[in-house]
N, C-alpha and C. Protein backbone atom coordinates (compact mmCIF):
# COMPACT_ATOMS: atom_id res chain seq x y z
N VAL A 1 101.87 106.57 110.49
CA VAL A 1 101.72 106.99 111.88
C VAL A 1 101.65 105.75 112.77
N ALA A 2 102.35 105.79 113.92
CA ALA A 2 102.27 104.71 114.89
C ALA A 2 102.22 105.31 116.29
N VAL A 3 101.52 104.64 117.19
CA VAL A 3 101.39 105.08 118.58
C VAL A 3 102.03 104.03 119.47
N SER A 4 102.80 104.47 120.47
CA SER A 4 103.48 103.55 121.38
C SER A 4 102.46 102.71 122.14
N PRO A 5 102.86 101.53 122.62
CA PRO A 5 101.93 100.66 123.33
C PRO A 5 101.24 101.30 124.54
N ASP A 6 101.93 102.21 125.24
CA ASP A 6 101.31 102.86 126.39
C ASP A 6 100.48 104.09 126.01
N GLY A 7 100.47 104.42 124.70
CA GLY A 7 99.64 105.51 124.21
C GLY A 7 100.20 106.90 124.43
N SER A 8 101.42 107.01 124.93
CA SER A 8 101.97 108.33 125.27
C SER A 8 102.73 109.00 124.13
N LEU A 9 103.15 108.22 123.14
CA LEU A 9 104.04 108.74 122.10
C LEU A 9 103.51 108.39 120.71
N GLN A 10 103.56 109.38 119.83
CA GLN A 10 103.18 109.17 118.44
C GLN A 10 104.37 109.49 117.54
N VAL A 11 104.60 108.64 116.54
CA VAL A 11 105.67 108.90 115.60
C VAL A 11 105.11 108.93 114.19
N THR A 12 105.51 109.92 113.44
CA THR A 12 105.13 110.03 112.04
C THR A 12 106.40 110.09 111.19
N VAL A 13 106.28 109.61 109.97
CA VAL A 13 107.41 109.62 109.04
C VAL A 13 107.02 110.49 107.86
N THR A 14 107.80 111.53 107.59
CA THR A 14 107.50 112.42 106.48
C THR A 14 108.03 111.85 105.17
N LYS A 15 107.62 112.43 104.08
CA LYS A 15 108.01 111.92 102.77
C LYS A 15 109.52 112.01 102.51
N ASN A 16 110.18 112.92 103.19
CA ASN A 16 111.63 113.07 103.00
C ASN A 16 112.45 112.25 103.99
N GLY A 17 111.79 111.33 104.74
CA GLY A 17 112.51 110.45 105.64
C GLY A 17 112.69 110.97 107.05
N ALA A 18 112.06 112.08 107.40
CA ALA A 18 112.17 112.63 108.76
C ALA A 18 111.24 111.89 109.71
N LEU A 19 111.74 111.60 110.92
CA LEU A 19 110.93 111.01 111.99
C LEU A 19 110.54 112.11 112.96
N VAL A 20 109.26 112.19 113.28
CA VAL A 20 108.79 113.21 114.21
C VAL A 20 108.06 112.52 115.36
N PHE A 21 108.57 112.71 116.58
CA PHE A 21 107.98 112.11 117.78
C PHE A 21 107.20 113.18 118.52
N ARG A 22 105.94 112.88 118.86
CA ARG A 22 105.08 113.84 119.56
C ARG A 22 104.45 113.21 120.80
N ASP A 23 104.22 114.06 121.79
CA ASP A 23 103.42 113.67 122.94
C ASP A 23 101.96 113.59 122.46
N THR A 24 101.31 112.46 122.72
CA THR A 24 99.96 112.28 122.18
C THR A 24 98.92 113.17 122.87
N VAL A 25 99.21 113.63 124.09
CA VAL A 25 98.26 114.48 124.80
C VAL A 25 98.41 115.94 124.39
N THR A 26 99.65 116.44 124.40
CA THR A 26 99.89 117.85 124.10
C THR A 26 100.16 118.11 122.62
N THR A 27 100.48 117.03 121.87
CA THR A 27 100.89 117.09 120.45
C THR A 27 102.21 117.82 120.26
N LYS A 28 102.90 118.12 121.36
CA LYS A 28 104.19 118.80 121.28
C LYS A 28 105.25 117.87 120.71
N VAL A 29 106.10 118.41 119.82
CA VAL A 29 107.20 117.63 119.26
C VAL A 29 108.26 117.41 120.33
N ILE A 30 108.59 116.15 120.60
CA ILE A 30 109.56 115.80 121.63
C ILE A 30 110.96 115.66 121.04
N ARG A 31 111.04 115.01 119.90
CA ARG A 31 112.33 114.82 119.24
C ARG A 31 112.11 114.55 117.77
N ARG A 32 113.20 114.69 117.03
CA ARG A 32 113.17 114.43 115.60
C ARG A 32 114.36 113.55 115.21
N GLY A 33 114.20 112.84 114.12
CA GLY A 33 115.29 112.04 113.58
C GLY A 33 115.20 112.04 112.08
N HIS A 34 116.17 111.42 111.44
CA HIS A 34 116.16 111.38 109.98
C HIS A 34 116.74 110.06 109.50
N LEU A 35 116.10 109.49 108.48
CA LEU A 35 116.54 108.23 107.92
C LEU A 35 117.12 108.43 106.53
N TRP A 36 117.77 107.40 106.04
CA TRP A 36 118.45 107.44 104.74
C TRP A 36 117.50 107.16 103.59
N MET A 37 116.23 106.84 103.88
CA MET A 37 115.32 106.41 102.82
C MET A 37 113.97 107.10 102.97
N LEU A 38 113.21 107.09 101.89
CA LEU A 38 111.82 107.52 101.95
C LEU A 38 111.02 106.40 102.58
N SER A 39 110.20 106.72 103.57
CA SER A 39 109.55 105.70 104.37
C SER A 39 108.03 105.86 104.34
N SER A 40 107.34 104.73 104.57
CA SER A 40 105.88 104.79 104.55
C SER A 40 105.22 103.88 105.59
N LEU A 41 105.99 103.09 106.32
CA LEU A 41 105.42 102.15 107.27
C LEU A 41 106.26 102.15 108.54
N VAL A 42 105.61 102.28 109.71
CA VAL A 42 106.34 102.31 110.97
C VAL A 42 105.56 101.55 112.03
N VAL A 43 106.26 100.77 112.88
CA VAL A 43 105.63 100.05 113.98
C VAL A 43 106.52 100.13 115.22
N PHE A 44 105.88 100.10 116.40
CA PHE A 44 106.60 100.03 117.67
C PHE A 44 106.78 98.57 118.09
N ASN A 45 107.78 98.35 118.94
CA ASN A 45 107.89 97.04 119.58
C ASN A 45 107.01 97.03 120.83
N ALA A 46 107.02 95.92 121.57
CA ALA A 46 106.07 95.73 122.67
C ALA A 46 106.24 96.73 123.81
N ASP A 47 107.47 97.14 124.12
CA ASP A 47 107.67 98.07 125.24
C ASP A 47 107.84 99.52 124.79
N GLY A 48 107.75 99.78 123.49
CA GLY A 48 107.80 101.14 122.99
C GLY A 48 109.19 101.74 122.90
N ARG A 49 110.23 100.91 123.12
CA ARG A 49 111.59 101.44 123.08
C ARG A 49 112.20 101.44 121.69
N LEU A 50 111.66 100.63 120.80
CA LEU A 50 112.16 100.53 119.44
C LEU A 50 111.04 100.76 118.45
N ILE A 51 111.41 101.25 117.26
CA ILE A 51 110.48 101.29 116.14
C ILE A 51 111.18 100.70 114.92
N ALA A 52 110.39 100.12 114.05
CA ALA A 52 110.89 99.65 112.77
C ALA A 52 110.22 100.49 111.69
N VAL A 53 111.02 100.94 110.74
CA VAL A 53 110.53 101.81 109.66
C VAL A 53 110.90 101.20 108.33
N ALA A 54 109.91 100.99 107.48
CA ALA A 54 110.15 100.39 106.17
C ALA A 54 110.08 101.46 105.09
N GLY A 55 110.98 101.34 104.14
CA GLY A 55 110.99 102.27 103.01
C GLY A 55 111.54 101.59 101.78
N ALA A 56 111.66 102.34 100.71
CA ALA A 56 112.21 101.80 99.48
C ALA A 56 113.69 101.48 99.69
N GLY A 57 114.02 100.19 99.66
CA GLY A 57 115.41 99.79 99.84
C GLY A 57 115.73 99.10 101.14
N GLY A 58 114.78 99.03 102.08
CA GLY A 58 115.07 98.31 103.30
C GLY A 58 114.27 98.76 104.50
N VAL A 59 114.71 98.30 105.67
CA VAL A 59 114.04 98.58 106.94
C VAL A 59 115.08 99.07 107.94
N SER A 60 114.74 100.09 108.70
CA SER A 60 115.61 100.59 109.76
C SER A 60 114.97 100.31 111.12
N ILE A 61 115.78 99.84 112.08
CA ILE A 61 115.35 99.72 113.46
C ILE A 61 115.93 100.92 114.20
N VAL A 62 115.05 101.66 114.87
CA VAL A 62 115.42 102.95 115.46
C VAL A 62 115.14 102.94 116.96
N ASP A 63 116.05 103.50 117.74
CA ASP A 63 115.86 103.70 119.17
C ASP A 63 114.86 104.84 119.36
N ALA A 64 113.73 104.57 120.01
CA ALA A 64 112.69 105.59 120.16
C ALA A 64 113.11 106.72 121.10
N GLU A 65 114.03 106.46 122.01
CA GLU A 65 114.49 107.50 122.94
C GLU A 65 115.41 108.51 122.27
N SER A 66 116.30 108.02 121.42
CA SER A 66 117.29 108.91 120.80
C SER A 66 116.94 109.26 119.36
N ALA A 67 116.01 108.52 118.74
CA ALA A 67 115.65 108.68 117.34
C ALA A 67 116.80 108.34 116.40
N GLU A 68 117.77 107.53 116.92
CA GLU A 68 118.91 107.14 116.11
C GLU A 68 118.76 105.71 115.60
N GLU A 69 119.23 105.50 114.38
CA GLU A 69 119.16 104.18 113.77
C GLU A 69 120.13 103.22 114.46
N ILE A 70 119.64 102.01 114.77
CA ILE A 70 120.46 100.98 115.41
C ILE A 70 120.93 99.96 114.38
N VAL A 71 120.00 99.49 113.57
CA VAL A 71 120.28 98.46 112.58
C VAL A 71 119.62 98.83 111.27
N ARG A 72 120.32 98.58 110.17
CA ARG A 72 119.75 98.79 108.84
C ARG A 72 119.71 97.45 108.11
N ILE A 73 118.51 97.06 107.68
CA ILE A 73 118.31 95.78 107.01
C ILE A 73 118.01 96.04 105.54
N PRO A 74 118.83 95.54 104.62
CA PRO A 74 118.58 95.78 103.20
C PRO A 74 117.37 95.02 102.72
N GLY A 75 116.76 95.52 101.66
CA GLY A 75 115.57 94.87 101.11
C GLY A 75 115.34 95.28 99.68
N PRO A 76 114.15 94.97 99.15
CA PRO A 76 113.85 95.30 97.75
C PRO A 76 113.62 96.79 97.56
N ARG A 77 113.62 97.21 96.33
CA ARG A 77 113.39 98.63 96.04
C ARG A 77 111.95 99.03 96.34
N SER A 78 111.01 98.06 96.24
CA SER A 78 109.64 98.34 96.64
C SER A 78 109.56 98.33 98.16
N VAL A 79 108.59 99.07 98.73
CA VAL A 79 108.46 99.18 100.17
C VAL A 79 107.87 97.89 100.73
N SER A 80 108.44 97.40 101.84
CA SER A 80 107.88 96.22 102.51
C SER A 80 106.44 96.52 102.94
N CYS A 81 105.58 95.50 102.84
CA CYS A 81 104.16 95.74 103.05
C CYS A 81 103.71 95.56 104.49
N CYS A 82 104.48 94.86 105.33
CA CYS A 82 104.09 94.70 106.73
C CYS A 82 105.30 94.36 107.59
N LEU A 83 105.21 94.74 108.87
CA LEU A 83 106.29 94.55 109.82
C LEU A 83 105.70 94.04 111.14
N ALA A 84 106.48 93.25 111.89
CA ALA A 84 106.04 92.82 113.21
C ALA A 84 107.24 92.46 114.07
N PHE A 85 107.30 93.04 115.27
CA PHE A 85 108.27 92.63 116.27
C PHE A 85 107.74 91.41 117.02
N SER A 86 108.64 90.53 117.45
CA SER A 86 108.23 89.45 118.34
C SER A 86 107.95 90.05 119.72
N PRO A 87 107.17 89.36 120.57
CA PRO A 87 106.84 89.90 121.90
C PRO A 87 108.07 90.23 122.74
N ARG A 88 109.15 89.46 122.60
CA ARG A 88 110.38 89.74 123.35
C ARG A 88 111.27 90.76 122.64
N SER A 89 110.83 91.20 121.47
CA SER A 89 111.55 92.22 120.69
C SER A 89 112.92 91.77 120.23
N ASP A 90 113.16 90.46 120.21
CA ASP A 90 114.46 89.97 119.75
C ASP A 90 114.45 89.64 118.26
N ARG A 91 113.27 89.62 117.66
CA ARG A 91 113.15 89.32 116.25
C ARG A 91 112.22 90.32 115.56
N LEU A 92 112.47 90.52 114.28
CA LEU A 92 111.61 91.38 113.46
C LEU A 92 111.25 90.61 112.20
N ALA A 93 109.95 90.52 111.93
CA ALA A 93 109.48 89.88 110.70
C ALA A 93 109.13 90.96 109.69
N ILE A 94 109.60 90.76 108.45
CA ILE A 94 109.39 91.74 107.38
C ILE A 94 108.69 91.05 106.22
N GLY A 95 107.51 91.51 105.90
CA GLY A 95 106.77 90.96 104.76
C GLY A 95 107.05 91.77 103.52
N ASP A 96 107.50 91.11 102.46
CA ASP A 96 107.86 91.80 101.22
C ASP A 96 106.88 91.49 100.10
N ARG A 97 106.63 92.50 99.28
CA ARG A 97 105.78 92.29 98.10
C ARG A 97 106.52 91.51 97.02
N GLU A 98 107.83 91.59 97.04
CA GLU A 98 108.65 90.87 96.06
C GLU A 98 109.67 90.04 96.80
N ASP A 99 110.12 88.96 96.14
CA ASP A 99 111.11 88.08 96.75
C ASP A 99 112.42 88.84 96.91
N VAL A 100 113.18 88.48 97.96
CA VAL A 100 114.46 89.13 98.25
C VAL A 100 115.53 88.07 98.39
N ASP A 101 116.67 88.34 97.82
CA ASP A 101 117.82 87.45 97.97
C ASP A 101 118.23 87.43 99.44
N ALA A 102 118.11 86.28 100.09
CA ALA A 102 118.39 86.18 101.53
C ALA A 102 119.84 86.43 101.86
N GLU A 103 120.73 86.38 100.85
CA GLU A 103 122.14 86.60 101.12
C GLU A 103 122.55 88.05 100.93
N ALA A 104 121.55 88.92 100.61
CA ALA A 104 121.88 90.33 100.41
C ALA A 104 122.11 90.98 101.77
N THR A 105 123.34 91.32 102.06
CA THR A 105 123.65 91.90 103.36
C THR A 105 124.50 93.16 103.27
N SER A 106 124.85 93.55 102.07
CA SER A 106 125.77 94.69 101.96
C SER A 106 125.06 96.00 101.67
N GLY A 107 123.74 95.98 101.45
CA GLY A 107 123.02 97.22 101.21
C GLY A 107 121.92 97.03 100.21
N PRO A 108 121.04 98.05 100.07
CA PRO A 108 119.89 97.94 99.19
C PRO A 108 120.25 97.59 97.75
N SER A 109 121.38 98.05 97.25
CA SER A 109 121.72 97.82 95.86
C SER A 109 122.04 96.38 95.56
N SER A 110 122.33 95.56 96.60
CA SER A 110 122.70 94.18 96.37
C SER A 110 121.50 93.24 96.39
N ALA A 111 120.31 93.74 96.74
CA ALA A 111 119.13 92.89 96.80
C ALA A 111 118.58 92.66 95.40
N THR A 112 118.07 91.44 95.18
CA THR A 112 117.42 91.13 93.92
C THR A 112 115.99 90.75 94.19
N SER A 113 115.10 90.84 93.21
CA SER A 113 113.70 90.55 93.43
C SER A 113 113.09 89.85 92.24
N THR A 114 111.99 89.15 92.53
CA THR A 114 111.21 88.50 91.49
C THR A 114 109.80 89.03 91.58
N ALA A 115 109.33 89.73 90.56
CA ALA A 115 108.03 90.38 90.60
C ALA A 115 106.94 89.36 90.88
N GLY A 116 105.98 89.75 91.74
CA GLY A 116 104.82 88.93 92.01
C GLY A 116 104.98 87.93 93.13
N HIS A 117 106.18 87.75 93.67
CA HIS A 117 106.39 86.76 94.72
C HIS A 117 106.39 87.43 96.08
N ARG A 118 105.79 86.77 97.08
CA ARG A 118 105.75 87.29 98.44
C ARG A 118 106.51 86.38 99.39
N SER A 119 107.22 86.98 100.31
CA SER A 119 107.94 86.20 101.31
C SER A 119 108.06 87.02 102.59
N ILE A 120 108.40 86.33 103.68
CA ILE A 120 108.61 86.97 104.97
C ILE A 120 110.03 86.64 105.42
N ARG A 121 110.80 87.67 105.75
CA ARG A 121 112.14 87.48 106.29
C ARG A 121 112.10 87.75 107.79
N VAL A 122 112.68 86.86 108.57
CA VAL A 122 112.75 87.03 110.02
C VAL A 122 114.20 87.31 110.39
N TYR A 123 114.42 88.45 111.07
CA TYR A 123 115.76 88.89 111.42
C TYR A 123 115.94 88.99 112.92
N SER A 124 117.17 88.84 113.34
CA SER A 124 117.54 89.19 114.71
C SER A 124 117.60 90.71 114.80
N VAL A 125 117.05 91.27 115.86
CA VAL A 125 117.06 92.73 116.01
C VAL A 125 118.47 93.27 116.24
N SER A 126 119.35 92.44 116.77
CA SER A 126 120.70 92.90 117.09
C SER A 126 121.62 93.01 115.89
N ASP A 127 121.26 92.42 114.76
CA ASP A 127 122.09 92.53 113.56
C ASP A 127 121.20 92.39 112.32
N GLU A 128 121.81 92.51 111.15
CA GLU A 128 121.02 92.51 109.92
C GLU A 128 120.99 91.15 109.22
N LYS A 129 121.49 90.11 109.85
CA LYS A 129 121.51 88.80 109.20
C LYS A 129 120.17 88.09 109.36
N PRO A 130 119.62 87.54 108.27
CA PRO A 130 118.32 86.86 108.36
C PRO A 130 118.42 85.55 109.11
N LEU A 131 117.43 85.27 109.95
CA LEU A 131 117.35 84.00 110.65
C LEU A 131 116.65 82.95 109.80
N MET A 132 115.65 83.39 109.05
CA MET A 132 114.92 82.47 108.19
C MET A 132 114.10 83.26 107.17
N LYS A 133 113.66 82.56 106.16
CA LYS A 133 112.82 83.16 105.12
C LYS A 133 111.65 82.23 104.87
N LEU A 134 110.43 82.77 104.90
CA LEU A 134 109.21 81.99 104.78
C LEU A 134 108.50 82.38 103.49
N GLU A 135 108.13 81.40 102.69
CA GLU A 135 107.52 81.66 101.39
C GLU A 135 106.01 81.78 101.50
N CYS A 136 105.46 82.78 100.80
CA CYS A 136 104.01 83.02 100.82
C CYS A 136 103.35 82.85 99.46
N GLY A 137 104.12 82.52 98.42
CA GLY A 137 103.52 82.37 97.09
C GLY A 137 103.31 83.71 96.42
N ASN A 138 102.34 83.77 95.51
CA ASN A 138 102.14 85.00 94.74
C ASN A 138 100.83 85.71 95.06
N ARG A 139 100.20 85.37 96.20
CA ARG A 139 98.99 86.07 96.61
C ARG A 139 99.35 87.23 97.52
N SER A 140 98.45 88.19 97.67
CA SER A 140 98.74 89.39 98.44
C SER A 140 99.00 89.07 99.91
N LEU A 141 100.01 89.71 100.47
CA LEU A 141 100.38 89.56 101.87
C LEU A 141 99.96 90.83 102.60
N ALA A 142 98.96 90.71 103.51
CA ALA A 142 98.36 91.89 104.10
C ALA A 142 98.84 92.19 105.51
N ALA A 143 99.15 91.15 106.31
CA ALA A 143 99.50 91.38 107.71
C ALA A 143 100.28 90.20 108.25
N ILE A 144 101.14 90.47 109.25
CA ILE A 144 101.88 89.42 109.93
C ILE A 144 101.87 89.70 111.42
N ALA A 145 101.94 88.64 112.24
CA ALA A 145 101.96 88.81 113.70
C ALA A 145 102.56 87.58 114.34
N PHE A 146 103.38 87.81 115.37
CA PHE A 146 103.90 86.71 116.17
C PHE A 146 102.86 86.29 117.20
N SER A 147 102.88 85.00 117.55
CA SER A 147 102.07 84.54 118.67
C SER A 147 102.60 85.18 119.95
N VAL A 148 101.81 85.13 121.02
CA VAL A 148 102.18 85.80 122.26
C VAL A 148 103.48 85.24 122.84
N ASP A 149 103.74 83.94 122.65
CA ASP A 149 104.98 83.36 123.14
C ASP A 149 106.15 83.53 122.17
N GLY A 150 105.87 84.07 120.98
CA GLY A 150 106.91 84.32 119.99
C GLY A 150 107.38 83.11 119.22
N ASP A 151 106.76 81.96 119.46
CA ASP A 151 107.22 80.73 118.82
C ASP A 151 106.57 80.46 117.47
N GLU A 152 105.51 81.20 117.16
CA GLU A 152 104.83 81.02 115.87
C GLU A 152 104.64 82.36 115.18
N LEU A 153 104.61 82.32 113.86
CA LEU A 153 104.36 83.52 113.07
C LEU A 153 103.13 83.29 112.21
N PHE A 154 102.18 84.22 112.27
CA PHE A 154 100.94 84.14 111.52
C PHE A 154 100.99 85.18 110.39
N ALA A 155 100.51 84.81 109.21
CA ALA A 155 100.51 85.73 108.07
C ALA A 155 99.17 85.66 107.35
N ALA A 156 98.58 86.83 107.09
CA ALA A 156 97.35 86.91 106.32
C ALA A 156 97.72 87.00 104.84
N VAL A 157 97.51 85.91 104.12
CA VAL A 157 97.88 85.83 102.71
C VAL A 157 96.61 85.65 101.88
N TYR A 158 96.04 86.77 101.48
CA TYR A 158 94.81 86.86 100.69
C TYR A 158 93.65 86.12 101.33
N ASP A 159 93.49 84.82 101.06
CA ASP A 159 92.33 84.09 101.57
C ASP A 159 92.70 83.04 102.61
N LYS A 160 93.93 83.09 103.13
CA LYS A 160 94.39 82.12 104.12
C LYS A 160 95.21 82.80 105.20
N VAL A 161 95.24 82.16 106.36
CA VAL A 161 96.21 82.54 107.39
C VAL A 161 97.21 81.40 107.47
N LYS A 162 98.45 81.68 107.11
CA LYS A 162 99.51 80.68 107.18
C LYS A 162 100.19 80.79 108.54
N VAL A 163 100.47 79.65 109.17
CA VAL A 163 101.06 79.63 110.50
C VAL A 163 102.35 78.82 110.45
N TRP A 164 103.46 79.47 110.86
CA TRP A 164 104.76 78.79 110.88
C TRP A 164 105.23 78.58 112.30
N ASP A 165 105.83 77.43 112.55
CA ASP A 165 106.53 77.17 113.80
C ASP A 165 107.95 77.72 113.63
N ILE A 166 108.28 78.78 114.37
CA ILE A 166 109.57 79.45 114.21
C ILE A 166 110.72 78.54 114.63
N ARG A 167 110.52 77.78 115.69
CA ARG A 167 111.61 76.92 116.18
C ARG A 167 111.93 75.81 115.19
N GLN A 168 110.89 75.25 114.58
CA GLN A 168 111.10 74.16 113.62
C GLN A 168 111.32 74.67 112.20
N ARG A 169 111.07 75.97 111.99
CA ARG A 169 111.20 76.58 110.67
C ARG A 169 110.34 75.86 109.63
N SER A 170 109.12 75.54 110.03
CA SER A 170 108.21 74.82 109.13
C SER A 170 106.80 75.34 109.29
N GLN A 171 106.02 75.21 108.22
CA GLN A 171 104.63 75.65 108.28
C GLN A 171 103.81 74.63 109.05
N ARG A 172 103.06 75.12 110.05
CA ARG A 172 102.28 74.22 110.89
C ARG A 172 100.89 73.95 110.34
N VAL A 173 100.23 75.00 109.86
CA VAL A 173 98.84 74.85 109.42
C VAL A 173 98.46 76.02 108.52
N GLU A 174 97.39 75.85 107.75
CA GLU A 174 96.77 76.94 107.00
C GLU A 174 95.31 77.04 107.43
N ILE A 175 94.90 78.26 107.77
CA ILE A 175 93.51 78.53 108.12
C ILE A 175 92.88 79.25 106.94
N GLU A 176 91.71 78.81 106.52
CA GLU A 176 91.07 79.39 105.35
C GLU A 176 89.80 80.13 105.75
N PRO A 177 89.95 81.40 106.18
CA PRO A 177 88.79 82.13 106.66
C PRO A 177 87.91 82.74 105.57
N ALA A 178 88.48 83.51 104.67
CA ALA A 178 87.70 84.20 103.63
C ALA A 178 88.65 84.99 102.74
N ASP A 179 88.12 85.48 101.62
CA ASP A 179 88.92 86.29 100.71
C ASP A 179 89.21 87.67 101.32
N ASN A 180 90.23 88.32 100.75
CA ASN A 180 90.55 89.71 101.07
C ASN A 180 90.84 89.96 102.54
N LEU A 181 91.68 89.12 103.13
CA LEU A 181 92.12 89.36 104.50
C LEU A 181 92.92 90.65 104.58
N THR A 182 92.66 91.46 105.61
CA THR A 182 93.39 92.72 105.75
C THR A 182 94.12 92.84 107.08
N THR A 183 93.64 92.17 108.12
CA THR A 183 94.19 92.37 109.46
C THR A 183 94.12 91.07 110.25
N LEU A 184 95.11 90.86 111.12
CA LEU A 184 95.01 89.80 112.12
C LEU A 184 95.67 90.27 113.41
N THR A 185 95.09 89.87 114.55
CA THR A 185 95.62 90.28 115.84
C THR A 185 95.20 89.28 116.91
N PHE A 186 95.98 89.22 118.00
CA PHE A 186 95.71 88.31 119.10
C PHE A 186 95.14 89.06 120.29
N ASP A 187 94.40 88.33 121.15
CA ASP A 187 94.05 88.89 122.44
C ASP A 187 95.27 88.76 123.36
N LYS A 188 95.17 89.32 124.57
CA LYS A 188 96.32 89.35 125.48
C LYS A 188 96.78 87.95 125.89
N SER A 189 95.85 87.02 125.97
CA SER A 189 96.21 85.66 126.38
C SER A 189 96.91 84.89 125.28
N GLY A 190 96.70 85.31 124.03
CA GLY A 190 97.26 84.60 122.89
C GLY A 190 96.44 83.40 122.47
N GLU A 191 95.32 83.16 123.16
CA GLU A 191 94.48 82.01 122.86
C GLU A 191 93.50 82.27 121.73
N LEU A 192 93.20 83.55 121.47
CA LEU A 192 92.24 83.92 120.44
C LEU A 192 92.90 84.76 119.36
N LEU A 193 92.51 84.51 118.12
CA LEU A 193 93.02 85.25 116.97
C LEU A 193 91.84 85.88 116.24
N ALA A 194 91.92 87.18 115.98
CA ALA A 194 90.88 87.88 115.23
C ALA A 194 91.38 88.16 113.82
N THR A 195 90.58 87.78 112.83
CA THR A 195 90.91 88.08 111.44
C THR A 195 89.84 89.00 110.86
N VAL A 196 90.28 89.96 110.05
CA VAL A 196 89.35 90.91 109.44
C VAL A 196 89.38 90.73 107.93
N HIS A 197 88.22 90.61 107.34
CA HIS A 197 88.12 90.51 105.88
C HIS A 197 86.81 91.17 105.45
N ASP A 198 86.91 92.01 104.42
CA ASP A 198 85.77 92.80 103.97
C ASP A 198 85.19 93.54 105.19
N ALA A 199 83.92 93.30 105.53
CA ALA A 199 83.31 94.00 106.66
C ALA A 199 83.05 93.06 107.82
N HIS A 200 83.85 92.00 107.94
CA HIS A 200 83.59 90.99 108.96
C HIS A 200 84.83 90.73 109.81
N VAL A 201 84.58 90.46 111.09
CA VAL A 201 85.63 90.05 112.02
C VAL A 201 85.28 88.65 112.50
N VAL A 202 86.25 87.75 112.42
CA VAL A 202 86.05 86.39 112.92
C VAL A 202 87.06 86.15 114.04
N VAL A 203 86.56 85.78 115.21
CA VAL A 203 87.40 85.45 116.35
C VAL A 203 87.57 83.94 116.37
N ARG A 204 88.83 83.49 116.38
CA ARG A 204 89.14 82.07 116.24
C ARG A 204 90.00 81.56 117.39
N ASP A 205 89.94 80.27 117.59
CA ASP A 205 90.90 79.61 118.46
C ASP A 205 92.25 79.67 117.76
N ALA A 206 93.26 80.27 118.40
CA ALA A 206 94.55 80.48 117.74
C ALA A 206 95.27 79.17 117.45
N ALA A 207 95.01 78.15 118.25
CA ALA A 207 95.71 76.88 118.07
C ALA A 207 95.12 76.06 116.93
N THR A 208 93.78 76.07 116.81
CA THR A 208 93.12 75.22 115.81
C THR A 208 92.59 75.99 114.61
N GLY A 209 92.38 77.30 114.77
CA GLY A 209 91.79 78.09 113.70
C GLY A 209 90.28 78.02 113.64
N MET A 210 89.66 77.28 114.55
CA MET A 210 88.20 77.13 114.53
C MET A 210 87.51 78.42 114.96
N PRO A 211 86.47 78.87 114.22
CA PRO A 211 85.75 80.10 114.56
C PRO A 211 85.03 79.98 115.90
N GLN A 212 85.11 81.06 116.70
CA GLN A 212 84.42 81.13 117.98
C GLN A 212 83.29 82.16 117.95
N LYS A 213 83.49 83.22 117.17
CA LYS A 213 82.50 84.29 117.09
C LYS A 213 82.69 85.04 115.78
N ARG A 214 81.57 85.50 115.22
CA ARG A 214 81.61 86.30 113.98
C ARG A 214 80.92 87.63 114.24
N LEU A 215 81.55 88.70 113.79
CA LEU A 215 81.03 90.05 113.96
C LEU A 215 80.97 90.75 112.61
N THR A 216 79.98 91.62 112.44
CA THR A 216 79.89 92.42 111.22
C THR A 216 80.17 93.87 111.58
N LEU A 217 81.12 94.48 110.90
CA LEU A 217 81.46 95.87 111.16
C LEU A 217 80.35 96.78 110.72
N GLU A 218 80.22 97.92 111.37
CA GLU A 218 79.17 98.87 111.03
C GLU A 218 79.30 99.32 109.59
N GLY A 219 78.20 99.26 108.87
CA GLY A 219 78.19 99.63 107.46
C GLY A 219 78.50 98.46 106.54
N GLY A 220 78.82 97.29 107.12
CA GLY A 220 79.17 96.12 106.33
C GLY A 220 77.95 95.30 105.94
């Protein structure tokens, strides 16, 4: 389930690949669509006009107004574990549980994988060709997010936050907050980064990774 940035639209993906768009206030079904794959993960872009849907065999970028597929990106047979649009919606980052052959462009059947390896593929939204591939090693990949300016990509990789400079295609820094990272997100200014692990939230300076505030979730 995903909700549009303005909160007006909800999209759910059924087990048979159907997309169902609902008004969040009335819960009335507005439109339906259908994908070629079984899907389990869906995210909106910043303005709510596009959604990305991950399933076994790849990722589809879908027009939220028409519910029609725009771009199909091949991937591993296992479902991608996380997705993120850049703020300008010109790029899509796909986090995979298994390594993917970056030259696989002809469809899901042409992708190859190596069990236990994690990587992030960054694609242009306008086509299915990869712009770059970022290695995460063999630890669990829980979340990915672009910086507010879209120039950096942050990834929660088990006990670290890895930060890549997209323009230079190089890793800038590693932040070591705690084990079992599950979530990361920015404030509107992009100056602060919140990381969630176990029952704790740590608010950090996004540029340096230095902690600014620590919170304990209820029941933690």
